[in-house]
């Protein structure tokens, strides 16, 4: 089994089930069929909604939704990664729009997804 640990992002107007399902559909399209996609989620209501679970049910063996324990944000890799991004990239900048914010986040995720440089 190959583990990629690739980051993906979406900047949306709201944080509802329909935005999450749209994001999961993008993940579905980004990876080859037959590959299990493990998604780490917190316990936000949109992540546990009927709409989200219904979509997951129609794609059996495609997604594994892993929920962090309630009130344990320090265990959430997404929270930790977001904090690191905020401290290193987004600190002291101003963005004019959500589009610009999405571009900044996208650059950070792209840089994070690059293979590490290993000295000879």
C-alpha atoms as a PDB file:
ATOM      1  CA  UNK A   1       0.000   0.000   0.000  1.00  0.00           C
ATOM      2  CA  UNK A   2       1.415   3.391  -0.970  1.00  0.00           C
ATOM      3  CA  UNK A   3       0.867   6.284   1.396  1.00  0.00           C
ATOM      4  CA  UNK A   4       1.250   9.662  -0.239  1.00  0.00           C
ATOM      5  CA  UNK A   5       0.459  12.123   2.576  1.00  0.00           C
ATOM      6  CA  UNK A   6      -0.342  14.686  -0.099  1.00  0.00           C
ATOM      7  CA  UNK A   7      -2.149  17.791   1.025  1.00  0.00           C
ATOM      8  CA  UNK A   8      -5.194  19.110  -0.822  1.00  0.00           C
ATOM      9  CA  UNK A   9      -7.153  22.265  -0.148  1.00  0.00           C
ATOM     10  CA  UNK A  10     -10.299  24.177  -0.957  1.00  0.00           C
ATOM     11  CA  UNK A  11     -11.236  27.717   0.043  1.00  0.00           C
ATOM     12  CA  UNK A  12     -15.006  28.004   0.060  1.00  0.00           C
ATOM     13  CA  UNK A  13     -17.560  30.607   1.064  1.00  0.00           C
ATOM     14  CA  UNK A  14     -19.152  28.253   3.598  1.00  0.00           C
ATOM     15  CA  UNK A  15     -18.335  25.010   5.389  1.00  0.00           C
ATOM     16  CA  UNK A  16     -21.330  22.756   4.783  1.00  0.00           C
ATOM     17  CA  UNK A  17     -21.784  19.152   3.755  1.00  0.00           C
ATOM     18  CA  UNK A  18     -22.206  20.073   0.083  1.00  0.00           C
ATOM     19  CA  UNK A  19     -18.802  21.811   0.027  1.00  0.00           C
ATOM     20  CA  UNK A  20     -17.189  18.792   1.684  1.00  0.00           C
ATOM     21  CA  UNK A  21     -18.794  16.381  -0.781  1.00  0.00           C
ATOM     22  CA  UNK A  22     -17.629  18.565  -3.683  1.00  0.00           C
ATOM     23  CA  UNK A  23     -14.098  18.462  -2.256  1.00  0.00           C
ATOM     24  CA  UNK A  24     -14.238  14.670  -1.820  1.00  0.00           C
ATOM     25  CA  UNK A  25     -15.391  14.353  -5.448  1.00  0.00           C
ATOM     26  CA  UNK A  26     -12.252  16.276  -6.481  1.00  0.00           C
ATOM     27  CA  UNK A  27     -10.147  13.850  -4.444  1.00  0.00           C
ATOM     28  CA  UNK A  28     -11.934  10.963  -6.111  1.00  0.00           C
ATOM     29  CA  UNK A  29     -11.048  12.350  -9.538  1.00  0.00           C
ATOM     30  CA  UNK A  30      -7.428  13.065  -8.538  1.00  0.00           C
ATOM     31  CA  UNK A  31      -6.484   9.463  -7.709  1.00  0.00           C
ATOM     32  CA  UNK A  32      -6.655   6.230  -9.706  1.00  0.00           C
ATOM     33  CA  UNK A  33      -9.716   4.035  -9.311  1.00  0.00           C
ATOM     34  CA  UNK A  34      -9.336   1.230  -6.796  1.00  0.00           C
ATOM     35  CA  UNK A  35      -7.046   3.224  -4.502  1.00  0.00           C
ATOM     36  CA  UNK A  36      -8.286   3.685  -0.936  1.00  0.00           C
ATOM     37  CA  UNK A  37      -8.315   7.355   0.037  1.00  0.00           C
ATOM     38  CA  UNK A  38      -8.010   7.982   3.764  1.00  0.00           C
ATOM     39  CA  UNK A  39      -9.358  11.373   4.867  1.00  0.00           C
ATOM     40  CA  UNK A  40      -8.576  12.791   8.291  1.00  0.00           C
ATOM     41  CA  UNK A  41     -11.472  14.871   9.640  1.00  0.00           C
ATOM     42  CA  UNK A  42     -12.412  16.602  12.838  1.00  0.00           C
ATOM     43  CA  UNK A  43     -15.899  16.251  14.320  1.00  0.00           C
ATOM     44  CA  UNK A  44     -17.481  19.213  12.531  1.00  0.00           C
ATOM     45  CA  UNK A  45     -21.157  18.532  11.829  1.00  0.00           C
ATOM     46  CA  UNK A  46     -20.604  18.783   8.048  1.00  0.00           C
ATOM     47  CA  UNK A  47     -18.097  15.934   8.252  1.00  0.00           C
ATOM     48  CA  UNK A  48     -20.590  13.612   9.958  1.00  0.00           C
ATOM     49  CA  UNK A  49     -23.742  14.687   8.136  1.00  0.00           C
ATOM     50  CA  UNK A  50     -26.187  12.398   6.327  1.00  0.00           C
ATOM     51  CA  UNK A  51     -25.136  13.923   2.992  1.00  0.00           C
ATOM     52  CA  UNK A  52     -21.467  13.153   3.643  1.00  0.00           C
ATOM     53  CA  UNK A  53     -22.188   9.603   4.840  1.00  0.00           C
ATOM     54  CA  UNK A  54     -24.551   9.008   1.902  1.00  0.00           C
ATOM     55  CA  UNK A  55     -21.819   9.987  -0.572  1.00  0.00           C
ATOM     56  CA  UNK A  56     -19.312   7.776   1.231  1.00  0.00           C
ATOM     57  CA  UNK A  57     -21.804   4.877   1.083  1.00  0.00           C
ATOM     58  CA  UNK A  58     -22.211   5.116  -2.706  1.00  0.00           C
ATOM     59  CA  UNK A  59     -18.426   4.841  -3.100  1.00  0.00           C
ATOM     60  CA  UNK A  60     -17.740   1.722  -1.005  1.00  0.00           C
ATOM     61  CA  UNK A  61     -14.086   0.839  -0.448  1.00  0.00           C
ATOM     62  CA  UNK A  62     -12.974   4.187  -1.923  1.00  0.00           C
ATOM     63  CA  UNK A  63     -12.828   6.426   1.159  1.00  0.00           C
ATOM     64  CA  UNK A  64     -11.932   5.796   4.748  1.00  0.00           C
ATOM     65  CA  UNK A  65     -13.076   8.661   6.953  1.00  0.00           C
ATOM     66  CA  UNK A  66     -10.970   8.905  10.103  1.00  0.00           C
ATOM     67  CA  UNK A  67     -12.249  11.224  12.825  1.00  0.00           C
ATOM     68  CA  UNK A  68     -10.007  12.766  15.450  1.00  0.00           C
ATOM     69  CA  UNK A  69     -11.156  12.477  19.058  1.00  0.00           C
ATOM     70  CA  UNK A  70     -13.463  15.253  20.239  1.00  0.00           C
ATOM     71  CA  UNK A  71     -11.630  18.047  22.087  1.00  0.00           C
ATOM     72  CA  UNK A  72      -8.221  16.801  20.954  1.00  0.00           C
ATOM     73  CA  UNK A  73      -7.130  19.372  18.370  1.00  0.00           C
ATOM     74  CA  UNK A  74      -3.457  18.734  19.170  1.00  0.00           C
ATOM     75  CA  UNK A  75      -3.917  15.254  17.639  1.00  0.00           C
ATOM     76  CA  UNK A  76      -5.368  16.649  14.429  1.00  0.00           C
ATOM     77  CA  UNK A  77      -2.695  16.772  11.718  1.00  0.00           C
ATOM     78  CA  UNK A  78      -4.859  19.144   9.698  1.00  0.00           C
ATOM     79  CA  UNK A  79      -4.998  21.624  12.600  1.00  0.00           C
ATOM     80  CA  UNK A  80      -1.238  21.296  13.111  1.00  0.00           C
ATOM     81  CA  UNK A  81      -0.524  21.790   9.417  1.00  0.00           C
ATOM     82  CA  UNK A  82      -2.873  24.781   9.236  1.00  0.00           C
ATOM     83  CA  UNK A  83      -1.150  26.332  12.241  1.00  0.00           C
ATOM     84  CA  UNK A  84       2.255  25.852  10.657  1.00  0.00           C
ATOM     85  CA  UNK A  85       1.006  27.408   7.408  1.00  0.00           C
ATOM     86  CA  UNK A  86      -0.456  30.362   9.296  1.00  0.00           C
ATOM     87  CA  UNK A  87       2.793  30.947  11.193  1.00  0.00           C
ATOM     88  CA  UNK A  88       5.117  30.545   8.219  1.00  0.00           C
ATOM     89  CA  UNK A  89       3.246  31.760   5.148  1.00  0.00           C
ATOM     90  CA  UNK A  90       0.119  33.693   6.057  1.00  0.00           C
ATOM     91  CA  UNK A  91       1.562  35.681   8.948  1.00  0.00           C
ATOM     92  CA  UNK A  92       1.640  39.441   8.396  1.00  0.00           C
ATOM     93  CA  UNK A  93       0.105  39.324   4.927  1.00  0.00           C
ATOM     94  CA  UNK A  94      -3.152  40.816   3.753  1.00  0.00           C
ATOM     95  CA  UNK A  95      -5.207  39.289   0.987  1.00  0.00           C
ATOM     96  CA  UNK A  96      -7.741  41.183  -1.091  1.00  0.00           C
ATOM     97  CA  UNK A  97     -10.055  38.236  -1.748  1.00  0.00           C
ATOM     98  CA  UNK A  98     -10.762  34.595  -1.055  1.00  0.00           C
ATOM     99  CA  UNK A  99      -9.287  33.885  -4.478  1.00  0.00           C
ATOM    100  CA  UNK A 100      -5.985  35.401  -3.399  1.00  0.00           C
ATOM    101  CA  UNK A 101      -6.131  33.481  -0.109  1.00  0.00           C
ATOM    102  CA  UNK A 102      -6.734  30.282  -2.081  1.00  0.00           C
ATOM    103  CA  UNK A 103      -3.708  31.056  -4.251  1.00  0.00           C
ATOM    104  CA  UNK A 104      -1.491  31.584  -1.188  1.00  0.00           C
ATOM    105  CA  UNK A 105      -2.733  28.363   0.413  1.00  0.00           C
ATOM    106  CA  UNK A 106      -2.298  26.523  -2.902  1.00  0.00           C
ATOM    107  CA  UNK A 107       1.320  27.671  -3.171  1.00  0.00           C
ATOM    108  CA  UNK A 108       2.018  26.458   0.352  1.00  0.00           C
ATOM    109  CA  UNK A 109       0.338  23.081  -0.240  1.00  0.00           C
ATOM    110  CA  UNK A 110       2.240  22.696  -3.528  1.00  0.00           C
ATOM    111  CA  UNK A 111       5.534  23.462  -1.801  1.00  0.00           C
ATOM    112  CA  UNK A 112       4.658  21.055   1.026  1.00  0.00           C
ATOM    113  CA  UNK A 113       3.854  18.316  -1.475  1.00  0.00           C
ATOM    114  CA  UNK A 114       7.243  18.596  -3.191  1.00  0.00           C
ATOM    115  CA  UNK A 115       9.654  15.745  -2.433  1.00  0.00           C
ATOM    116  CA  UNK A 116      12.220  16.733   0.197  1.00  0.00           C
ATOM    117  CA  UNK A 117      15.692  17.768  -0.890  1.00  0.00           C
ATOM    118  CA  UNK A 118      18.182  15.223   0.357  1.00  0.00           C
ATOM    119  CA  UNK A 119      21.809  16.363   0.529  1.00  0.00           C
ATOM    120  CA  UNK A 120      24.396  14.132  -1.168  1.00  0.00           C
END
